[in-house]
């Protein structure tokens, strides 16, 4: 086994280790809207649950070169709202296209041919084709390291009937969520319960 001190590694080496070791990572296909009303849709795989009461999510957003905010981060900062859309594996192509650095004036929904659907409580639209969407309002922002951490409180859940089971759980196999492993996509694969 090779042991490496973090302080001895370059940012690129650290990124490769983190994204290859912390796997699989879910993808938050995040929709925001600019003050000018332009829709933005970007995927983030540094994403997790923060709290269940109240329900909260965390997005870790990198900065652009030069320390500028990415469009998603700037839109969230200015409007205080965003929507996290969960992506199924058949959306991999569209998710990949939406990760490109489009200019702020470009509506990514149009670029990836996804349908913007009005949200109930926030201005950014949700992705109609996503089986789960979560409308969020900004709770807090942190800067513990190189990335900007955004915590949002979920105010509305949208869950397709086909993946919502009678007991309130999600049929993960039916959702068929897309994930990230290093710089590649992954399927969830067959689920199993460990022996007791």
Foldseek 3Di string as FASTA:
>chain_A
DDDDDPVVDDPVVVLLVVLQPPDWFFKFQKWFAAPVGAIATAIARQKDWDDVVQTKIKGWAADDPVRHRQLVVVRCVVFQKMKTFFAAPVLVVLNVVSNDRDPNNDRSCVVSVFDFDQDDPGGTTDTPPGQKMFIWGWDDWDPPDRTIMTMTGTPDIHHHPVQQDPVRDGNCVVNQTWTGNRHDIDTPPDDDDDDD
